[in-house]
PDB file of N, CA and C in Angstrom:
ATOM      1  N   MET A   1     -15.341  13.184 -51.756  1.00  0.00           N
ATOM      2  CA  MET A   1     -14.105  13.206 -51.002  1.00  0.00           C
ATOM      3  C   MET A   1     -14.313  12.671 -49.590  1.00  0.00           C
ATOM      4  N   ALA A   2     -15.449  12.100 -49.353  1.00  0.00           N
ATOM      5  CA  ALA A   2     -15.716  11.533 -48.031  1.00  0.00           C
ATOM      6  C   ALA A   2     -14.682  10.464 -47.714  1.00  0.00           C
ATOM      7  N   GLY A   3     -14.169  10.499 -46.512  1.00  0.00           N
ATOM      8  CA  GLY A   3     -13.177   9.521 -46.097  1.00  0.00           C
ATOM      9  C   GLY A   3     -11.760   9.861 -46.507  1.00  0.00           C
ATOM     10  N   GLU A   4     -11.583  10.900 -47.283  1.00  0.00           N
ATOM     11  CA  GLU A   4     -10.258  11.314 -47.729  1.00  0.00           C
ATOM     12  C   GLU A   4      -9.628  12.242 -46.696  1.00  0.00           C
ATOM     13  N   THR A   5      -8.311  12.202 -46.614  1.00  0.00           N
ATOM     14  CA  THR A   5      -7.584  13.160 -45.794  1.00  0.00           C
ATOM     15  C   THR A   5      -7.283  14.374 -46.660  1.00  0.00           C
ATOM     16  N   LEU A   6      -7.662  15.535 -46.195  1.00  0.00           N
ATOM     17  CA  LEU A   6      -7.406  16.766 -46.932  1.00  0.00           C
ATOM     18  C   LEU A   6      -6.118  17.389 -46.431  1.00  0.00           C
ATOM     19  N   VAL A   7      -5.282  17.847 -47.363  1.00  0.00           N
ATOM     20  CA  VAL A   7      -4.019  18.490 -47.008  1.00  0.00           C
ATOM     21  C   VAL A   7      -3.959  19.850 -47.685  1.00  0.00           C
ATOM     22  N   ALA A   8      -3.243  20.767 -47.053  1.00  0.00           N
ATOM     23  CA  ALA A   8      -3.070  22.108 -47.613  1.00  0.00           C
ATOM     24  C   ALA A   8      -1.849  22.744 -46.972  1.00  0.00           C
ATOM     25  N   PRO A   9      -1.240  23.707 -47.663  1.00  0.00           N
ATOM     26  CA  PRO A   9      -0.168  24.467 -47.024  1.00  0.00           C
ATOM     27  C   PRO A   9      -0.744  25.275 -45.863  1.00  0.00           C
ATOM     28  N   GLU A  10       0.066  25.529 -44.852  1.00  0.00           N
ATOM     29  CA  GLU A  10      -0.394  26.295 -43.693  1.00  0.00           C
ATOM     30  C   GLU A  10      -0.991  27.644 -44.079  1.00  0.00           C
ATOM     31  N   LEU A  11      -0.538  28.196 -45.174  1.00  0.00           N
ATOM     32  CA  LEU A  11      -1.016  29.512 -45.584  1.00  0.00           C
ATOM     33  C   LEU A  11      -2.493  29.520 -45.942  1.00  0.00           C
ATOM     34  N   VAL A  12      -3.114  28.360 -46.068  1.00  0.00           N
ATOM     35  CA  VAL A  12      -4.538  28.300 -46.398  1.00  0.00           C
ATOM     36  C   VAL A  12      -5.358  29.104 -45.399  1.00  0.00           C
ATOM     37  N   ASP A  13      -5.006  29.009 -44.122  1.00  0.00           N
ATOM     38  CA  ASP A  13      -5.759  29.733 -43.098  1.00  0.00           C
ATOM     39  C   ASP A  13      -5.664  31.242 -43.307  1.00  0.00           C
ATOM     40  N   LEU A  14      -4.466  31.725 -43.600  1.00  0.00           N
ATOM     41  CA  LEU A  14      -4.278  33.163 -43.812  1.00  0.00           C
ATOM     42  C   LEU A  14      -5.022  33.645 -45.047  1.00  0.00           C
ATOM     43  N   GLU A  15      -4.999  32.850 -46.106  1.00  0.00           N
ATOM     44  CA  GLU A  15      -5.699  33.245 -47.323  1.00  0.00           C
ATOM     45  C   GLU A  15      -7.207  33.328 -47.095  1.00  0.00           C
ATOM     46  N   VAL A  16      -7.751  32.344 -46.407  1.00  0.00           N
ATOM     47  CA  VAL A  16      -9.192  32.327 -46.155  1.00  0.00           C
ATOM     48  C   VAL A  16      -9.596  33.478 -45.238  1.00  0.00           C
ATOM     49  N   VAL A  17      -8.852  33.678 -44.159  1.00  0.00           N
ATOM     50  CA  VAL A  17      -9.178  34.767 -43.234  1.00  0.00           C
ATOM     51  C   VAL A  17      -9.038  36.121 -43.932  1.00  0.00           C
ATOM     52  N   SER A  18      -8.078  36.255 -44.818  1.00  0.00           N
ATOM     53  CA  SER A  18      -7.907  37.496 -45.570  1.00  0.00           C
ATOM     54  C   SER A  18      -9.150  37.811 -46.403  1.00  0.00           C
ATOM     55  N   VAL A  19      -9.708  36.801 -47.037  1.00  0.00           N
ATOM     56  CA  VAL A  19     -10.936  36.993 -47.821  1.00  0.00           C
ATOM     57  C   VAL A  19     -12.068  37.456 -46.914  1.00  0.00           C
ATOM     58  N   TRP A  20     -12.209  36.813 -45.770  1.00  0.00           N
ATOM     59  CA  TRP A  20     -13.280  37.198 -44.849  1.00  0.00           C
ATOM     60  C   TRP A  20     -13.077  38.613 -44.321  1.00  0.00           C
ATOM     61  N   CYS A  21     -11.846  39.001 -44.050  1.00  0.00           N
ATOM     62  CA  CYS A  21     -11.574  40.379 -43.603  1.00  0.00           C
ATOM     63  C   CYS A  21     -12.026  41.387 -44.651  1.00  0.00           C
ATOM     64  N   ARG A  22     -11.710  41.118 -45.914  1.00  0.00           N
ATOM     65  CA  ARG A  22     -12.128  42.015 -46.994  1.00  0.00           C
ATOM     66  C   ARG A  22     -13.650  42.062 -47.104  1.00  0.00           C
ATOM     67  N   GLN A  23     -14.291  40.900 -46.953  1.00  0.00           N
ATOM     68  CA  GLN A  23     -15.752  40.863 -47.042  1.00  0.00           C
ATOM     69  C   GLN A  23     -16.401  41.640 -45.899  1.00  0.00           C
ATOM     70  N   VAL A  24     -15.860  41.523 -44.704  1.00  0.00           N
ATOM     71  CA  VAL A  24     -16.395  42.277 -43.565  1.00  0.00           C
ATOM     72  C   VAL A  24     -16.186  43.772 -43.796  1.00  0.00           C
ATOM     73  N   ALA A  25     -14.995  44.155 -44.250  1.00  0.00           N
ATOM     74  CA  ALA A  25     -14.700  45.570 -44.498  1.00  0.00           C
ATOM     75  C   ALA A  25     -15.623  46.157 -45.562  1.00  0.00           C
ATOM     76  N   ALA A  26     -15.981  45.340 -46.556  1.00  0.00           N
ATOM     77  CA  ALA A  26     -16.872  45.799 -47.625  1.00  0.00           C
ATOM     78  C   ALA A  26     -18.346  45.620 -47.261  1.00  0.00           C
ATOM     79  N   ARG A  27     -18.598  45.193 -46.043  1.00  0.00           N
ATOM     80  CA  ARG A  27     -19.957  44.963 -45.542  1.00  0.00           C
ATOM     81  C   ARG A  27     -20.706  43.900 -46.347  1.00  0.00           C
ATOM     82  N   LEU A  28     -19.955  42.937 -46.865  1.00  0.00           N
ATOM     83  CA  LEU A  28     -20.554  41.818 -47.588  1.00  0.00           C
ATOM     84  C   LEU A  28     -20.786  40.622 -46.675  1.00  0.00           C
ATOM     85  N   MET A  29     -20.184  40.679 -45.482  1.00  0.00           N
ATOM     86  CA  MET A  29     -20.299  39.596 -44.508  1.00  0.00           C
ATOM     87  C   MET A  29     -20.307  40.213 -43.118  1.00  0.00           C
ATOM     88  N   PRO A  30     -21.253  39.830 -42.274  1.00  0.00           N
ATOM     89  CA  PRO A  30     -21.263  40.360 -40.907  1.00  0.00           C
ATOM     90  C   PRO A  30     -20.043  39.870 -40.120  1.00  0.00           C
ATOM     91  N   ALA A  31     -19.485  40.726 -39.290  1.00  0.00           N
ATOM     92  CA  ALA A  31     -18.302  40.364 -38.499  1.00  0.00           C
ATOM     93  C   ALA A  31     -18.575  39.155 -37.610  1.00  0.00           C
ATOM     94  N   ARG A  32     -19.764  39.064 -37.068  1.00  0.00           N
ATOM     95  CA  ARG A  32     -20.104  37.921 -36.206  1.00  0.00           C
ATOM     96  C   ARG A  32     -20.038  36.609 -36.998  1.00  0.00           C
ATOM     97  N   ARG A  33     -20.539  36.642 -38.230  1.00  0.00           N
ATOM     98  CA  ARG A  33     -20.493  35.439 -39.070  1.00  0.00           C
ATOM     99  C   ARG A  33     -19.046  35.082 -39.404  1.00  0.00           C
ATOM    100  N   ALA A  34     -18.234  36.080 -39.703  1.00  0.00           N
ATOM    101  CA  ALA A  34     -16.824  35.833 -40.008  1.00  0.00           C
ATOM    102  C   ALA A  34     -16.108  35.241 -38.803  1.00  0.00           C
ATOM    103  N   ALA A  35     -16.387  35.753 -37.616  1.00  0.00           N
ATOM    104  CA  ALA A  35     -15.760  35.221 -36.402  1.00  0.00           C
ATOM    105  C   ALA A  35     -16.129  33.760 -36.197  1.00  0.00           C
ATOM    106  N   SER A  36     -17.372  33.425 -36.464  1.00  0.00           N
ATOM    107  CA  SER A  36     -17.813  32.032 -36.365  1.00  0.00           C
ATOM    108  C   SER A  36     -17.113  31.167 -37.411  1.00  0.00           C
ATOM    109  N   ALA A  37     -16.963  31.715 -38.610  1.00  0.00           N
ATOM    110  CA  ALA A  37     -16.290  30.983 -39.682  1.00  0.00           C
ATOM    111  C   ALA A  37     -14.822  30.735 -39.341  1.00  0.00           C
ATOM    112  N   VAL A  38     -14.176  31.704 -38.699  1.00  0.00           N
ATOM    113  CA  VAL A  38     -12.779  31.531 -38.281  1.00  0.00           C
ATOM    114  C   VAL A  38     -12.674  30.370 -37.297  1.00  0.00           C
ATOM    115  N   ALA A  39     -13.607  30.293 -36.364  1.00  0.00           N
ATOM    116  CA  ALA A  39     -13.609  29.180 -35.406  1.00  0.00           C
ATOM    117  C   ALA A  39     -13.803  27.850 -36.126  1.00  0.00           C
ATOM    118  N   ASP A  40     -14.695  27.829 -37.111  1.00  0.00           N
ATOM    119  CA  ASP A  40     -14.915  26.605 -37.882  1.00  0.00           C
ATOM    120  C   ASP A  40     -13.673  26.223 -38.671  1.00  0.00           C
ATOM    121  N   LEU A  41     -12.997  27.217 -39.227  1.00  0.00           N
ATOM    122  CA  LEU A  41     -11.773  26.962 -39.986  1.00  0.00           C
ATOM    123  C   LEU A  41     -10.720  26.304 -39.105  1.00  0.00           C
ATOM    124  N   ALA A  42     -10.595  26.790 -37.888  1.00  0.00           N
ATOM    125  CA  ALA A  42      -9.610  26.222 -36.961  1.00  0.00           C
ATOM    126  C   ALA A  42      -9.915  24.763 -36.649  1.00  0.00           C
ATOM    127  N   ASP A  43     -11.190  24.401 -36.673  1.00  0.00           N
ATOM    128  CA  ASP A  43     -11.605  23.030 -36.363  1.00  0.00           C
ATOM    129  C   ASP A  43     -11.688  22.128 -37.586  1.00  0.00           C
ATOM    130  N   LEU A  44     -11.481  22.678 -38.764  1.00  0.00           N
ATOM    131  CA  LEU A  44     -11.591  21.905 -39.998  1.00  0.00           C
ATOM    132  C   LEU A  44     -10.602  20.744 -39.987  1.00  0.00           C
ATOM    133  N   PRO A  45     -11.053  19.526 -40.302  1.00  0.00           N
ATOM    134  CA  PRO A  45     -10.137  18.382 -40.317  1.00  0.00           C
ATOM    135  C   PRO A  45      -9.246  18.409 -41.562  1.00  0.00           C
ATOM    136  N   LEU A  46      -8.288  19.275 -41.517  1.00  0.00           N
ATOM    137  CA  LEU A  46      -7.391  19.535 -42.634  1.00  0.00           C
ATOM    138  C   LEU A  46      -5.970  19.436 -42.117  1.00  0.00           C
ATOM    139  N   ARG A  47      -5.153  18.607 -42.756  1.00  0.00           N
ATOM    140  CA  ARG A  47      -3.746  18.513 -42.358  1.00  0.00           C
ATOM    141  C   ARG A  47      -2.991  19.643 -43.037  1.00  0.00           C
ATOM    142  N   ARG A  48      -2.450  20.515 -42.226  1.00  0.00           N
ATOM    143  CA  ARG A  48      -1.726  21.673 -42.735  1.00  0.00           C
ATOM    144  C   ARG A  48      -0.230  21.387 -42.688  1.00  0.00           C
ATOM    145  N   PHE A  49       0.457  21.760 -43.764  1.00  0.00           N
ATOM    146  CA  PHE A  49       1.884  21.499 -43.872  1.00  0.00           C
ATOM    147  C   PHE A  49       2.645  22.791 -44.128  1.00  0.00           C
ATOM    148  N   SER A  50       3.828  22.862 -43.577  1.00  0.00           N
ATOM    149  CA  SER A  50       4.698  24.013 -43.791  1.00  0.00           C
ATOM    150  C   SER A  50       5.084  24.099 -45.265  1.00  0.00           C
ATOM    151  N   HIS A  51       5.210  25.313 -45.748  1.00  0.00           N
ATOM    152  CA  HIS A  51       5.640  25.524 -47.132  1.00  0.00           C
ATOM    153  C   HIS A  51       7.166  25.493 -47.264  1.00  0.00           C
ATOM    154  N   ARG A  52       7.871  25.561 -46.141  1.00  0.00           N
ATOM    155  CA  ARG A  52       9.337  25.651 -46.212  1.00  0.00           C
ATOM    156  C   ARG A  52       9.989  24.508 -46.983  1.00  0.00           C
ATOM    157  N   PRO A  53       9.595  23.252 -46.788  1.00  0.00           N
ATOM    158  CA  PRO A  53      10.225  22.190 -47.582  1.00  0.00           C
ATOM    159  C   PRO A  53       9.878  22.271 -49.072  1.00  0.00           C
ATOM    160  N   LEU A  54       8.909  23.083 -49.418  1.00  0.00           N
ATOM    161  CA  LEU A  54       8.441  23.193 -50.797  1.00  0.00           C
ATOM    162  C   LEU A  54       9.029  24.394 -51.531  1.00  0.00           C
ATOM    163  N   LEU A  55       9.848  25.182 -50.850  1.00  0.00           N
ATOM    164  CA  LEU A  55      10.313  26.453 -51.420  1.00  0.00           C
ATOM    165  C   LEU A  55      11.026  26.297 -52.761  1.00  0.00           C
ATOM    166  N   HIS A  56      11.845  25.259 -52.918  1.00  0.00           N
ATOM    167  CA  HIS A  56      12.565  25.072 -54.186  1.00  0.00           C
ATOM    168  C   HIS A  56      11.570  24.895 -55.337  1.00  0.00           C
ATOM    169  N   ARG A  57      10.577  24.042 -55.133  1.00  0.00           N
ATOM    170  CA  ARG A  57       9.582  23.812 -56.183  1.00  0.00           C
ATOM    171  C   ARG A  57       8.723  25.058 -56.402  1.00  0.00           C
ATOM    172  N   ILE A  58       8.386  25.744 -55.322  1.00  0.00           N
ATOM    173  CA  ILE A  58       7.627  26.994 -55.446  1.00  0.00           C
ATOM    174  C   ILE A  58       8.396  27.976 -56.325  1.00  0.00           C
ATOM    175  N   TRP A  59       9.692  28.071 -56.124  1.00  0.00           N
ATOM    176  CA  TRP A  59      10.530  28.954 -56.932  1.00  0.00           C
ATOM    177  C   TRP A  59      10.533  28.509 -58.396  1.00  0.00           C
ATOM    178  N   GLN A  60      10.601  27.207 -58.629  1.00  0.00           N
ATOM    179  CA  GLN A  60      10.603  26.698 -60.007  1.00  0.00           C
ATOM    180  C   GLN A  60       9.327  27.077 -60.758  1.00  0.00           C
ATOM    181  N   LEU A  61       8.243  27.201 -60.050  1.00  0.00           N
ATOM    182  CA  LEU A  61       6.953  27.507 -60.680  1.00  0.00           C
ATOM    183  C   LEU A  61       6.691  29.006 -60.829  1.00  0.00           C
ATOM    184  N   ARG A  62       7.673  29.843 -60.527  1.00  0.00           N
ATOM    185  CA  ARG A  62       7.479  31.295 -60.467  1.00  0.00           C
ATOM    186  C   ARG A  62       7.009  31.921 -61.770  1.00  0.00           C
ATOM    187  N   HIS A  63       7.319  31.316 -62.919  1.00  0.00           N
ATOM    188  CA  HIS A  63       6.910  31.900 -64.199  1.00  0.00           C
ATOM    189  C   HIS A  63       5.497  31.475 -64.592  1.00  0.00           C
ATOM    190  N   THR A  64       4.944  30.542 -63.855  1.00  0.00           N
ATOM    191  CA  THR A  64       3.647  29.970 -64.202  1.00  0.00           C
ATOM    192  C   THR A  64       2.520  30.445 -63.296  1.00  0.00           C
ATOM    193  N   VAL A  65       2.772  30.475 -61.995  1.00  0.00           N
ATOM    194  CA  VAL A  65       1.729  30.808 -61.012  1.00  0.00           C
ATOM    195  C   VAL A  65       2.328  31.654 -59.894  1.00  0.00           C
ATOM    196  N   THR A  66       1.470  32.204 -59.055  1.00  0.00           N
ATOM    197  CA  THR A  66       1.943  32.961 -57.893  1.00  0.00           C
ATOM    198  C   THR A  66       2.599  32.009 -56.896  1.00  0.00           C
ATOM    199  N   PRO A  67       3.436  32.515 -56.019  1.00  0.00           N
ATOM    200  CA  PRO A  67       4.014  31.649 -54.981  1.00  0.00           C
ATOM    201  C   PRO A  67       2.942  30.989 -54.116  1.00  0.00           C
ATOM    202  N   TYR A  68       1.847  31.682 -53.881  1.00  0.00           N
ATOM    203  CA  TYR A  68       0.767  31.109 -53.075  1.00  0.00           C
ATOM    204  C   TYR A  68       0.171  29.889 -53.776  1.00  0.00           C
ATOM    205  N   ASP A  69      -0.161  30.043 -55.053  1.00  0.00           N
ATOM    206  CA  ASP A  69      -0.700  28.917 -55.814  1.00  0.00           C
ATOM    207  C   ASP A  69       0.342  27.811 -55.959  1.00  0.00           C
ATOM    208  N   ALA A  70       1.594  28.198 -56.128  1.00  0.00           N
ATOM    209  CA  ALA A  70       2.666  27.209 -56.268  1.00  0.00           C
ATOM    210  C   ALA A  70       2.795  26.342 -55.022  1.00  0.00           C
ATOM    211  N   ALA A  71       2.500  26.899 -53.857  1.00  0.00           N
ATOM    212  CA  ALA A  71       2.567  26.109 -52.621  1.00  0.00           C
ATOM    213  C   ALA A  71       1.562  24.965 -52.663  1.00  0.00           C
ATOM    214  N   TYR A  72       0.373  25.227 -53.173  1.00  0.00           N
ATOM    215  CA  TYR A  72      -0.641  24.174 -53.288  1.00  0.00           C
ATOM    216  C   TYR A  72      -0.207  23.125 -54.309  1.00  0.00           C
ATOM    217  N   ILE A  73       0.329  23.580 -55.438  1.00  0.00           N
ATOM    218  CA  ILE A  73       0.802  22.655 -56.468  1.00  0.00           C
ATOM    219  C   ILE A  73       1.934  21.795 -55.930  1.00  0.00           C
ATOM    220  N   ALA A  74       2.919  22.425 -55.317  1.00  0.00           N
ATOM    221  CA  ALA A  74       4.077  21.688 -54.801  1.00  0.00           C
ATOM    222  C   ALA A  74       3.663  20.657 -53.760  1.00  0.00           C
ATOM    223  N   LEU A  75       2.708  20.997 -52.918  1.00  0.00           N
ATOM    224  CA  LEU A  75       2.240  20.049 -51.906  1.00  0.00           C
ATOM    225  C   LEU A  75       1.525  18.870 -52.568  1.00  0.00           C
ATOM    226  N   ALA A  76       0.674  19.144 -53.549  1.00  0.00           N
ATOM    227  CA  ALA A  76      -0.015  18.063 -54.267  1.00  0.00           C
ATOM    228  C   ALA A  76       0.989  17.166 -54.976  1.00  0.00           C
ATOM    229  N   GLU A  77       2.013  17.767 -55.569  1.00  0.00           N
ATOM    230  CA  GLU A  77       3.058  16.971 -56.217  1.00  0.00           C
ATOM    231  C   GLU A  77       3.790  16.101 -55.205  1.00  0.00           C
ATOM    232  N   ALA A  78       4.130  16.667 -54.058  1.00  0.00           N
ATOM    233  CA  ALA A  78       4.876  15.931 -53.035  1.00  0.00           C
ATOM    234  C   ALA A  78       4.087  14.732 -52.517  1.00  0.00           C
ATOM    235  N   PHE A  79       2.779  14.889 -52.390  1.00  0.00           N
ATOM    236  CA  PHE A  79       1.936  13.799 -51.889  1.00  0.00           C
ATOM    237  C   PHE A  79       1.370  12.937 -53.010  1.00  0.00           C
ATOM    238  N   GLN A  80       1.637  13.330 -54.246  1.00  0.00           N
ATOM    239  CA  GLN A  80       1.120  12.629 -55.422  1.00  0.00           C
ATOM    240  C   GLN A  80      -0.400  12.473 -55.338  1.00  0.00           C
ATOM    241  N   VAL A  81      -1.049  13.612 -55.115  1.00  0.00           N
ATOM    242  CA  VAL A  81      -2.508  13.641 -55.015  1.00  0.00           C
ATOM    243  C   VAL A  81      -3.072  14.658 -55.998  1.00  0.00           C
ATOM    244  N   VAL A  82      -4.364  14.610 -56.186  1.00  0.00           N
ATOM    245  CA  VAL A  82      -5.056  15.560 -57.053  1.00  0.00           C
ATOM    246  C   VAL A  82      -5.224  16.881 -56.309  1.00  0.00           C
ATOM    247  N   LEU A  83      -4.914  17.966 -56.977  1.00  0.00           N
ATOM    248  CA  LEU A  83      -5.158  19.304 -56.434  1.00  0.00           C
ATOM    249  C   LEU A  83      -6.556  19.719 -56.868  1.00  0.00           C
ATOM    250  N   VAL A  84      -7.426  19.946 -55.904  1.00  0.00           N
ATOM    251  CA  VAL A  84      -8.800  20.364 -56.186  1.00  0.00           C
ATOM    252  C   VAL A  84      -8.876  21.870 -55.971  1.00  0.00           C
ATOM    253  N   THR A  85      -9.364  22.581 -56.983  1.00  0.00           N
ATOM    254  CA  THR A  85      -9.415  24.038 -56.904  1.00  0.00           C
ATOM    255  C   THR A  85     -10.662  24.581 -57.586  1.00  0.00           C
ATOM    256  N   ALA A  86     -11.116  25.719 -57.102  1.00  0.00           N
ATOM    257  CA  ALA A  86     -12.203  26.440 -57.758  1.00  0.00           C
ATOM    258  C   ALA A  86     -11.648  27.528 -58.674  1.00  0.00           C
ATOM    259  N   ASP A  87     -10.339  27.613 -58.771  1.00  0.00           N
ATOM    260  CA  ASP A  87      -9.661  28.632 -59.568  1.00  0.00           C
ATOM    261  C   ASP A  87      -9.402  28.082 -60.972  1.00  0.00           C
ATOM    262  N   ALA A  88     -10.216  28.508 -61.932  1.00  0.00           N
ATOM    263  CA  ALA A  88     -10.096  28.000 -63.300  1.00  0.00           C
ATOM    264  C   ALA A  88      -8.719  28.292 -63.887  1.00  0.00           C
ATOM    265  N   ARG A  89      -8.178  29.462 -63.588  1.00  0.00           N
ATOM    266  CA  ARG A  89      -6.859  29.820 -64.106  1.00  0.00           C
ATOM    267  C   ARG A  89      -5.800  28.856 -63.579  1.00  0.00           C
ATOM    268  N   LEU A  90      -5.861  28.562 -62.289  1.00  0.00           N
ATOM    269  CA  LEU A  90      -4.901  27.631 -61.694  1.00  0.00           C
ATOM    270  C   LEU A  90      -5.047  26.243 -62.304  1.00  0.00           C
ATOM    271  N   SER A  91      -6.264  25.838 -62.604  1.00  0.00           N
ATOM    272  CA  SER A  91      -6.481  24.498 -63.162  1.00  0.00           C
ATOM    273  C   SER A  91      -5.860  24.340 -64.546  1.00  0.00           C
ATOM    274  N   ARG A  92      -5.526  25.451 -65.193  1.00  0.00           N
ATOM    275  CA  ARG A  92      -4.901  25.410 -66.520  1.00  0.00           C
ATOM    276  C   ARG A  92      -3.394  25.659 -66.480  1.00  0.00           C
ATOM    277  N   ALA A  93      -2.818  25.715 -65.300  1.00  0.00           N
ATOM    278  CA  ALA A  93      -1.389  26.021 -65.163  1.00  0.00           C
ATOM    279  C   ALA A  93      -0.547  24.968 -65.873  1.00  0.00           C
ATOM    280  N   SER A  94       0.504  25.429 -66.506  1.00  0.00           N
ATOM    281  CA  SER A  94       1.399  24.511 -67.213  1.00  0.00           C
ATOM    282  C   SER A  94       2.611  24.187 -66.343  1.00  0.00           C
ATOM    283  N   GLY A  95       3.283  23.104 -66.694  1.00  0.00           N
ATOM    284  CA  GLY A  95       4.513  22.729 -66.006  1.00  0.00           C
ATOM    285  C   GLY A  95       4.319  22.096 -64.648  1.00  0.00           C
ATOM    286  N   VAL A  96       3.102  21.647 -64.368  1.00  0.00           N
ATOM    287  CA  VAL A  96       2.847  21.016 -63.074  1.00  0.00           C
ATOM    288  C   VAL A  96       2.937  19.502 -63.214  1.00  0.00           C
ATOM    289  N   HIS A  97       3.230  18.833 -62.101  1.00  0.00           N
ATOM    290  CA  HIS A  97       3.390  17.380 -62.105  1.00  0.00           C
ATOM    291  C   HIS A  97       2.370  16.721 -61.186  1.00  0.00           C
ATOM    292  N   CYS A  98       1.153  17.233 -61.252  1.00  0.00           N
ATOM    293  CA  CYS A  98       0.043  16.628 -60.515  1.00  0.00           C
ATOM    294  C   CYS A  98      -1.221  16.887 -61.317  1.00  0.00           C
ATOM    295  N   GLU A  99      -2.209  16.082 -61.053  1.00  0.00           N
ATOM    296  CA  GLU A  99      -3.507  16.315 -61.675  1.00  0.00           C
ATOM    297  C   GLU A  99      -4.184  17.472 -60.946  1.00  0.00           C
ATOM    298  N   ILE A 100      -4.846  18.334 -61.717  1.00  0.00           N
ATOM    299  CA  ILE A 100      -5.591  19.442 -61.122  1.00  0.00           C
ATOM    300  C   ILE A 100      -7.045  19.305 -61.548  1.00  0.00           C
ATOM    301  N   ALA A 101      -7.923  19.226 -60.570  1.00  0.00           N
ATOM    302  CA  ALA A 101      -9.356  19.100 -60.834  1.00  0.00           C
ATOM    303  C   ALA A 101     -10.040  20.413 -60.495  1.00  0.00           C
ATOM    304  N   ALA A 102     -10.702  20.982 -61.493  1.00  0.00           N
ATOM    305  CA  ALA A 102     -11.433  22.235 -61.283  1.00  0.00           C
ATOM    306  C   ALA A 102     -12.858  21.923 -60.861  1.00  0.00           C
ATOM    307  N   ILE A 103     -13.311  22.630 -59.831  1.00  0.00           N
ATOM    308  CA  ILE A 103     -14.699  22.534 -59.405  1.00  0.00           C
ATOM    309  C   ILE A 103     -15.327  23.903 -59.604  1.00  0.00           C
ATOM    310  N   GLY A 104     -16.636  24.007 -59.529  1.00  0.00           N
ATOM    311  CA  GLY A 104     -17.321  25.281 -59.744  1.00  0.00           C
ATOM    312  C   GLY A 104     -16.681  26.413 -58.977  1.00  0.00           C
ATOM    313  N   GLY A 105     -16.543  27.541 -59.602  1.00  0.00           N
ATOM    314  CA  GLY A 105     -15.920  28.691 -58.943  1.00  0.00           C
ATOM    315  C   GLY A 105     -15.583  29.763 -59.933  1.00  0.00           C
ATOM    316  N   ARG A 106     -14.501  30.462 -59.659  1.00  0.00           N
ATOM    317  CA  ARG A 106     -14.120  31.609 -60.497  1.00  0.00           C
ATOM    318  C   ARG A 106     -13.206  31.207 -61.620  1.00  0.00           C
TER     319      ARG A 106
END
């Protein structure tokens, strides 16, 4: 993906920070490391887009995936790009109009 522009819904930051908060609370990640990771996340060269223009499509996908996952799908559809995910379940979602590429993960 070198040289590619990465895009994601704005909620990506909240989802990632939420995971780190849970890891710190469970003592799986030191708070200092999480704080550093938050700073790195803010600097990540990622174009973040509002989910508001995608709400209609997010609603259409309600029977297939969560609204959070639907935001990623709707954005990939809008930009006509491949959605890259480590979520095997999401990679098998039906009714989507974009290619979904699964990478190692859950």
